[in-house]
């Protein structure tokens, strides 16, 4: 892999750790509730092999251009670019992924605020700063959606995250500015990219 490719893989790994909460191997793993466990365990985990990565690298997304940023033996980074937003998608193996369970992600709210919407905890809070974490059904499975807004004129991030305990997909969309209370154009773009990747990985 080229130096540029290695740098993108390093970025992808760091981003994934920030989002899914990489832990030391001795760390405790958050418990899943019964419903989340049933969804994850109902099907075999995705095998992140060369064939799956080739399928993911070849996805098409309506009204967007897809470009491979970097590809390794067991990871992939894509850019999905549309007229109103750009989504970066990283696909990699899990290292103690946080289950797709709202309670598990809600316990990480302070960490997510510090990473993506520090204005929420400012004193006083920045006008328009907010962070919302929700379970968002997509492509026949639940995903985690994070809508982070750093305050009026300070930009916003929308993140879609999925994992099955073995493989994780993170789709991230950054906006330089977003009016307070306005719907994010990133939401639909992240959904489309994440759905296309999940369909490809499942073959």
C-alpha atoms as a PDB file:
ATOM      1  CA  UNK A   1       0.000   0.000   0.000  1.00  0.00           C
ATOM      2  CA  UNK A   2       1.239   3.530  -0.723  1.00  0.00           C
ATOM      3  CA  UNK A   3       2.204   6.007   2.008  1.00  0.00           C
ATOM      4  CA  UNK A   4      -0.973   7.917   1.248  1.00  0.00           C
ATOM      5  CA  UNK A   5      -2.998   4.752   1.594  1.00  0.00           C
ATOM      6  CA  UNK A   6      -1.351   3.930   4.928  1.00  0.00           C
ATOM      7  CA  UNK A   7      -2.127   7.415   6.221  1.00  0.00           C
ATOM      8  CA  UNK A   8      -5.792   7.015   5.288  1.00  0.00           C
ATOM      9  CA  UNK A   9      -5.908   3.643   7.039  1.00  0.00           C
ATOM     10  CA  UNK A  10      -4.368   5.199  10.141  1.00  0.00           C
ATOM     11  CA  UNK A  11      -7.001   7.943  10.004  1.00  0.00           C
ATOM     12  CA  UNK A  12      -9.751   5.367   9.566  1.00  0.00           C
ATOM     13  CA  UNK A  13      -8.521   3.368  12.521  1.00  0.00           C
ATOM     14  CA  UNK A  14      -8.306   6.419  14.762  1.00  0.00           C
ATOM     15  CA  UNK A  15     -11.776   7.561  13.749  1.00  0.00           C
ATOM     16  CA  UNK A  16     -13.242   4.128  14.333  1.00  0.00           C
ATOM     17  CA  UNK A  17     -11.658   3.942  17.799  1.00  0.00           C
ATOM     18  CA  UNK A  18     -13.072   7.353  18.666  1.00  0.00           C
ATOM     19  CA  UNK A  19     -16.531   6.253  17.619  1.00  0.00           C
ATOM     20  CA  UNK A  20     -16.741   2.685  18.864  1.00  0.00           C
ATOM     21  CA  UNK A  21     -14.704   3.046  22.024  1.00  0.00           C
ATOM     22  CA  UNK A  22     -11.601   0.907  21.511  1.00  0.00           C
ATOM     23  CA  UNK A  23     -10.482  -0.491  24.823  1.00  0.00           C
ATOM     24  CA  UNK A  24      -7.474  -2.307  26.189  1.00  0.00           C
ATOM     25  CA  UNK A  25      -7.998  -6.009  25.734  1.00  0.00           C
ATOM     26  CA  UNK A  26      -8.549  -6.396  29.458  1.00  0.00           C
ATOM     27  CA  UNK A  27     -11.289  -3.727  29.563  1.00  0.00           C
ATOM     28  CA  UNK A  28     -14.919  -4.459  30.250  1.00  0.00           C
ATOM     29  CA  UNK A  29     -17.288  -4.679  27.318  1.00  0.00           C
ATOM     30  CA  UNK A  30     -20.673  -2.979  27.727  1.00  0.00           C
ATOM     31  CA  UNK A  31     -23.522  -5.434  28.092  1.00  0.00           C
ATOM     32  CA  UNK A  32     -26.088  -5.731  25.307  1.00  0.00           C
ATOM     33  CA  UNK A  33     -29.765  -5.780  26.087  1.00  0.00           C
ATOM     34  CA  UNK A  34     -31.739  -8.830  24.938  1.00  0.00           C
ATOM     35  CA  UNK A  35     -33.244  -7.125  21.885  1.00  0.00           C
ATOM     36  CA  UNK A  36     -29.889  -5.876  20.597  1.00  0.00           C
ATOM     37  CA  UNK A  37     -28.309  -9.266  21.202  1.00  0.00           C
ATOM     38  CA  UNK A  38     -31.068 -10.998  19.256  1.00  0.00           C
ATOM     39  CA  UNK A  39     -30.576  -8.714  16.258  1.00  0.00           C
ATOM     40  CA  UNK A  40     -26.787  -9.155  16.196  1.00  0.00           C
ATOM     41  CA  UNK A  41     -26.793 -12.887  16.923  1.00  0.00           C
ATOM     42  CA  UNK A  42     -29.584 -13.763  14.490  1.00  0.00           C
ATOM     43  CA  UNK A  43     -27.133 -13.873  11.566  1.00  0.00           C
ATOM     44  CA  UNK A  44     -23.499 -14.876  11.281  1.00  0.00           C
ATOM     45  CA  UNK A  45     -21.063 -11.958  11.539  1.00  0.00           C
ATOM     46  CA  UNK A  46     -19.832 -10.594   8.223  1.00  0.00           C
ATOM     47  CA  UNK A  47     -16.536 -12.073   7.082  1.00  0.00           C
ATOM     48  CA  UNK A  48     -14.356  -9.084   6.206  1.00  0.00           C
ATOM     49  CA  UNK A  49     -12.462 -10.876   3.448  1.00  0.00           C
ATOM     50  CA  UNK A  50     -11.084  -9.738   0.092  1.00  0.00           C
ATOM     51  CA  UNK A  51     -14.356 -10.503  -1.720  1.00  0.00           C
ATOM     52  CA  UNK A  52     -16.431  -8.443   0.730  1.00  0.00           C
ATOM     53  CA  UNK A  53     -14.032  -5.514   0.473  1.00  0.00           C
ATOM     54  CA  UNK A  54     -14.103  -5.667  -3.339  1.00  0.00           C
ATOM     55  CA  UNK A  55     -17.900  -5.529  -3.277  1.00  0.00           C
ATOM     56  CA  UNK A  56     -17.855  -2.585  -0.881  1.00  0.00           C
ATOM     57  CA  UNK A  57     -15.267  -0.750  -2.986  1.00  0.00           C
ATOM     58  CA  UNK A  58     -17.535  -1.077  -6.025  1.00  0.00           C
ATOM     59  CA  UNK A  59     -20.741   0.356  -4.505  1.00  0.00           C
ATOM     60  CA  UNK A  60     -22.855   2.901  -6.337  1.00  0.00           C
ATOM     61  CA  UNK A  61     -24.812   5.569  -4.459  1.00  0.00           C
ATOM     62  CA  UNK A  62     -27.530   7.602  -6.174  1.00  0.00           C
ATOM     63  CA  UNK A  63     -26.597  11.207  -6.963  1.00  0.00           C
ATOM     64  CA  UNK A  64     -23.077  10.736  -5.604  1.00  0.00           C
ATOM     65  CA  UNK A  65     -19.597   9.767  -6.721  1.00  0.00           C
ATOM     66  CA  UNK A  66     -17.788   6.999  -4.854  1.00  0.00           C
ATOM     67  CA  UNK A  67     -13.995   6.952  -4.619  1.00  0.00           C
ATOM     68  CA  UNK A  68     -11.689   4.542  -2.821  1.00  0.00           C
ATOM     69  CA  UNK A  69      -9.421   6.477  -0.461  1.00  0.00           C
ATOM     70  CA  UNK A  70      -7.446   3.507   0.822  1.00  0.00           C
ATOM     71  CA  UNK A  71      -7.721  -0.271   0.879  1.00  0.00           C
ATOM     72  CA  UNK A  72      -5.829  -2.780   2.974  1.00  0.00           C
ATOM     73  CA  UNK A  73      -6.147  -6.515   3.413  1.00  0.00           C
ATOM     74  CA  UNK A  74      -8.890  -6.094   6.022  1.00  0.00           C
ATOM     75  CA  UNK A  75      -9.986  -2.457   5.848  1.00  0.00           C
ATOM     76  CA  UNK A  76     -11.339   0.068   3.401  1.00  0.00           C
ATOM     77  CA  UNK A  77     -11.957   3.821   3.306  1.00  0.00           C
ATOM     78  CA  UNK A  78     -14.350   5.420   0.816  1.00  0.00           C
ATOM     79  CA  UNK A  79     -15.417   8.947  -0.051  1.00  0.00           C
ATOM     80  CA  UNK A  80     -19.041   9.332  -1.153  1.00  0.00           C
ATOM     81  CA  UNK A  81     -19.389  12.847  -2.554  1.00  0.00           C
ATOM     82  CA  UNK A  82     -22.642  14.568  -3.516  1.00  0.00           C
ATOM     83  CA  UNK A  83     -23.471  18.159  -4.360  1.00  0.00           C
ATOM     84  CA  UNK A  84     -24.458  19.037  -0.788  1.00  0.00           C
ATOM     85  CA  UNK A  85     -22.297  16.777   1.377  1.00  0.00           C
ATOM     86  CA  UNK A  86     -19.325  14.400   1.477  1.00  0.00           C
ATOM     87  CA  UNK A  87     -19.389  11.186   3.489  1.00  0.00           C
ATOM     88  CA  UNK A  88     -16.269   9.297   4.542  1.00  0.00           C
ATOM     89  CA  UNK A  89     -16.923   5.600   5.145  1.00  0.00           C
ATOM     90  CA  UNK A  90     -14.497   3.360   7.009  1.00  0.00           C
ATOM     91  CA  UNK A  91     -14.841  -0.421   7.157  1.00  0.00           C
ATOM     92  CA  UNK A  92     -12.666  -2.446   9.521  1.00  0.00           C
ATOM     93  CA  UNK A  93     -12.649  -5.243  12.052  1.00  0.00           C
ATOM     94  CA  UNK A  94     -14.047  -4.592  15.520  1.00  0.00           C
ATOM     95  CA  UNK A  95     -11.937  -4.082  18.580  1.00  0.00           C
ATOM     96  CA  UNK A  96     -14.490  -4.294  21.386  1.00  0.00           C
ATOM     97  CA  UNK A  97     -17.159  -2.381  19.474  1.00  0.00           C
ATOM     98  CA  UNK A  98     -19.918  -0.769  21.488  1.00  0.00           C
ATOM     99  CA  UNK A  99     -23.115  -2.749  20.749  1.00  0.00           C
ATOM    100  CA  UNK A 100     -25.813  -1.116  18.639  1.00  0.00           C
ATOM    101  CA  UNK A 101     -27.880  -0.409  21.720  1.00  0.00           C
ATOM    102  CA  UNK A 102     -29.079   3.063  22.731  1.00  0.00           C
ATOM    103  CA  UNK A 103     -28.355   2.537  26.428  1.00  0.00           C
ATOM    104  CA  UNK A 104     -24.745   1.532  25.712  1.00  0.00           C
ATOM    105  CA  UNK A 105     -24.200   4.621  23.561  1.00  0.00           C
ATOM    106  CA  UNK A 106     -26.013   6.952  25.951  1.00  0.00           C
ATOM    107  CA  UNK A 107     -23.475   6.102  28.659  1.00  0.00           C
ATOM    108  CA  UNK A 108     -20.827   7.543  26.310  1.00  0.00           C
ATOM    109  CA  UNK A 109     -22.613  10.862  25.855  1.00  0.00           C
ATOM    110  CA  UNK A 110     -19.979  12.956  27.678  1.00  0.00           C
ATOM    111  CA  UNK A 111     -17.213  11.419  25.544  1.00  0.00           C
ATOM    112  CA  UNK A 112     -19.171  12.004  22.338  1.00  0.00           C
ATOM    113  CA  UNK A 113     -19.900  15.612  23.312  1.00  0.00           C
ATOM    114  CA  UNK A 114     -16.210  16.251  23.986  1.00  0.00           C
ATOM    115  CA  UNK A 115     -15.258  14.778  20.600  1.00  0.00           C
ATOM    116  CA  UNK A 116     -17.952  16.188  18.349  1.00  0.00           C
ATOM    117  CA  UNK A 117     -19.956  18.991  20.057  1.00  0.00           C
ATOM    118  CA  UNK A 118     -17.910  20.603  22.852  1.00  0.00           C
ATOM    119  CA  UNK A 119     -20.145  23.674  22.757  1.00  0.00           C
ATOM    120  CA  UNK A 120     -22.843  21.650  24.531  1.00  0.00           C
ATOM    121  CA  UNK A 121     -20.804  21.644  27.745  1.00  0.00           C
ATOM    122  CA  UNK A 122     -19.472  25.180  27.446  1.00  0.00           C
ATOM    123  CA  UNK A 123     -20.431  27.653  30.159  1.00  0.00           C
ATOM    124  CA  UNK A 124     -22.763  29.037  29.048  1.00  0.00           C
ATOM    125  CA  UNK A 125     -23.627  26.493  26.303  1.00  0.00           C
ATOM    126  CA  UNK A 126     -23.042  27.792  22.783  1.00  0.00           C
ATOM    127  CA  UNK A 127     -26.198  28.820  20.982  1.00  0.00           C
ATOM    128  CA  UNK A 128     -27.288  26.001  18.691  1.00  0.00           C
ATOM    129  CA  UNK A 129     -24.887  23.406  20.132  1.00  0.00           C
ATOM    130  CA  UNK A 130     -26.462  19.986  20.607  1.00  0.00           C
ATOM    131  CA  UNK A 131     -25.792  16.270  20.444  1.00  0.00           C
ATOM    132  CA  UNK A 132     -28.446  13.668  19.684  1.00  0.00           C
ATOM    133  CA  UNK A 133     -27.838   9.909  19.708  1.00  0.00           C
ATOM    134  CA  UNK A 134     -30.527   7.617  18.315  1.00  0.00           C
ATOM    135  CA  UNK A 135     -31.075   4.133  16.975  1.00  0.00           C
ATOM    136  CA  UNK A 136     -31.896   4.415  13.273  1.00  0.00           C
ATOM    137  CA  UNK A 137     -33.218   1.336  11.409  1.00  0.00           C
ATOM    138  CA  UNK A 138     -31.419   0.989   8.096  1.00  0.00           C
ATOM    139  CA  UNK A 139     -30.972  -1.794   5.553  1.00  0.00           C
ATOM    140  CA  UNK A 140     -32.874  -4.240   7.718  1.00  0.00           C
ATOM    141  CA  UNK A 141     -30.793  -3.638  10.839  1.00  0.00           C
ATOM    142  CA  UNK A 142     -30.463  -1.015  13.587  1.00  0.00           C
ATOM    143  CA  UNK A 143     -27.666   1.537  13.334  1.00  0.00           C
ATOM    144  CA  UNK A 144     -26.532   4.319  15.644  1.00  0.00           C
ATOM    145  CA  UNK A 145     -27.010   7.870  14.365  1.00  0.00           C
ATOM    146  CA  UNK A 146     -25.179  10.776  15.999  1.00  0.00           C
ATOM    147  CA  UNK A 147     -26.208  14.336  15.137  1.00  0.00           C
ATOM    148  CA  UNK A 148     -23.554  16.661  16.607  1.00  0.00           C
ATOM    149  CA  UNK A 149     -23.781  20.431  16.272  1.00  0.00           C
ATOM    150  CA  UNK A 150     -21.056  22.686  17.598  1.00  0.00           C
ATOM    151  CA  UNK A 151     -23.119  25.864  17.665  1.00  0.00           C
ATOM    152  CA  UNK A 152     -24.435  28.451  15.226  1.00  0.00           C
ATOM    153  CA  UNK A 153     -21.891  28.944  12.466  1.00  0.00           C
ATOM    154  CA  UNK A 154     -19.471  26.437  14.017  1.00  0.00           C
ATOM    155  CA  UNK A 155     -20.221  23.374  11.912  1.00  0.00           C
ATOM    156  CA  UNK A 156     -21.909  20.035  12.399  1.00  0.00           C
ATOM    157  CA  UNK A 157     -21.195  16.320  12.072  1.00  0.00           C
ATOM    158  CA  UNK A 158     -23.564  13.441  11.314  1.00  0.00           C
ATOM    159  CA  UNK A 159     -22.299   9.927  11.982  1.00  0.00           C
ATOM    160  CA  UNK A 160     -23.868   6.582  11.142  1.00  0.00           C
ATOM    161  CA  UNK A 161     -22.363   3.552  12.874  1.00  0.00           C
ATOM    162  CA  UNK A 162     -23.042  -0.170  12.531  1.00  0.00           C
ATOM    163  CA  UNK A 163     -21.304  -3.261  13.812  1.00  0.00           C
ATOM    164  CA  UNK A 164     -22.054  -6.923  14.343  1.00  0.00           C
ATOM    165  CA  UNK A 165     -19.369  -7.482  16.964  1.00  0.00           C
ATOM    166  CA  UNK A 166     -16.842  -8.571  14.331  1.00  0.00           C
ATOM    167  CA  UNK A 167     -17.008  -5.933  11.577  1.00  0.00           C
ATOM    168  CA  UNK A 168     -17.764  -2.234  11.898  1.00  0.00           C
ATOM    169  CA  UNK A 169     -18.804   0.430   9.397  1.00  0.00           C
ATOM    170  CA  UNK A 170     -18.626   4.133  10.255  1.00  0.00           C
ATOM    171  CA  UNK A 171     -19.997   6.817   7.915  1.00  0.00           C
ATOM    172  CA  UNK A 172     -19.100  10.402   8.811  1.00  0.00           C
ATOM    173  CA  UNK A 173     -20.299  13.631   7.202  1.00  0.00           C
ATOM    174  CA  UNK A 174     -18.942  17.061   8.175  1.00  0.00           C
ATOM    175  CA  UNK A 175     -20.557  20.408   7.415  1.00  0.00           C
ATOM    176  CA  UNK A 176     -18.704  23.711   7.830  1.00  0.00           C
ATOM    177  CA  UNK A 177     -21.876  25.412   9.007  1.00  0.00           C
ATOM    178  CA  UNK A 178     -25.505  24.536   9.711  1.00  0.00           C
ATOM    179  CA  UNK A 179     -28.266  26.841  10.926  1.00  0.00           C
ATOM    180  CA  UNK A 180     -29.602  26.050  14.393  1.00  0.00           C
ATOM    181  CA  UNK A 181     -32.585  23.716  14.168  1.00  0.00           C
ATOM    182  CA  UNK A 182     -32.142  23.097  10.428  1.00  0.00           C
ATOM    183  CA  UNK A 183     -32.331  19.505   9.171  1.00  0.00           C
ATOM    184  CA  UNK A 184     -28.914  18.163   8.267  1.00  0.00           C
ATOM    185  CA  UNK A 185     -28.374  17.265   4.595  1.00  0.00           C
ATOM    186  CA  UNK A 186     -25.849  14.747   5.925  1.00  0.00           C
ATOM    187  CA  UNK A 187     -28.562  12.496   7.358  1.00  0.00           C
ATOM    188  CA  UNK A 188     -29.822  11.139   4.037  1.00  0.00           C
ATOM    189  CA  UNK A 189     -26.323  11.032   2.544  1.00  0.00           C
ATOM    190  CA  UNK A 190     -24.973   8.969   5.444  1.00  0.00           C
ATOM    191  CA  UNK A 191     -27.994   6.644   5.302  1.00  0.00           C
ATOM    192  CA  UNK A 192     -27.509   6.051   1.577  1.00  0.00           C
ATOM    193  CA  UNK A 193     -23.776   5.355   1.890  1.00  0.00           C
ATOM    194  CA  UNK A 194     -24.180   3.105   4.923  1.00  0.00           C
ATOM    195  CA  UNK A 195     -27.040   1.128   3.341  1.00  0.00           C
ATOM    196  CA  UNK A 196     -25.042   0.579   0.157  1.00  0.00           C
ATOM    197  CA  UNK A 197     -21.998  -0.652   2.071  1.00  0.00           C
ATOM    198  CA  UNK A 198     -24.019  -3.003   4.284  1.00  0.00           C
ATOM    199  CA  UNK A 199     -25.744  -4.500   1.249  1.00  0.00           C
ATOM    200  CA  UNK A 200     -22.382  -5.012  -0.459  1.00  0.00           C
ATOM    201  CA  UNK A 201     -20.745  -6.610   2.573  1.00  0.00           C
ATOM    202  CA  UNK A 202     -23.621  -9.044   2.922  1.00  0.00           C
ATOM    203  CA  UNK A 203     -23.232 -10.008  -0.724  1.00  0.00           C
END
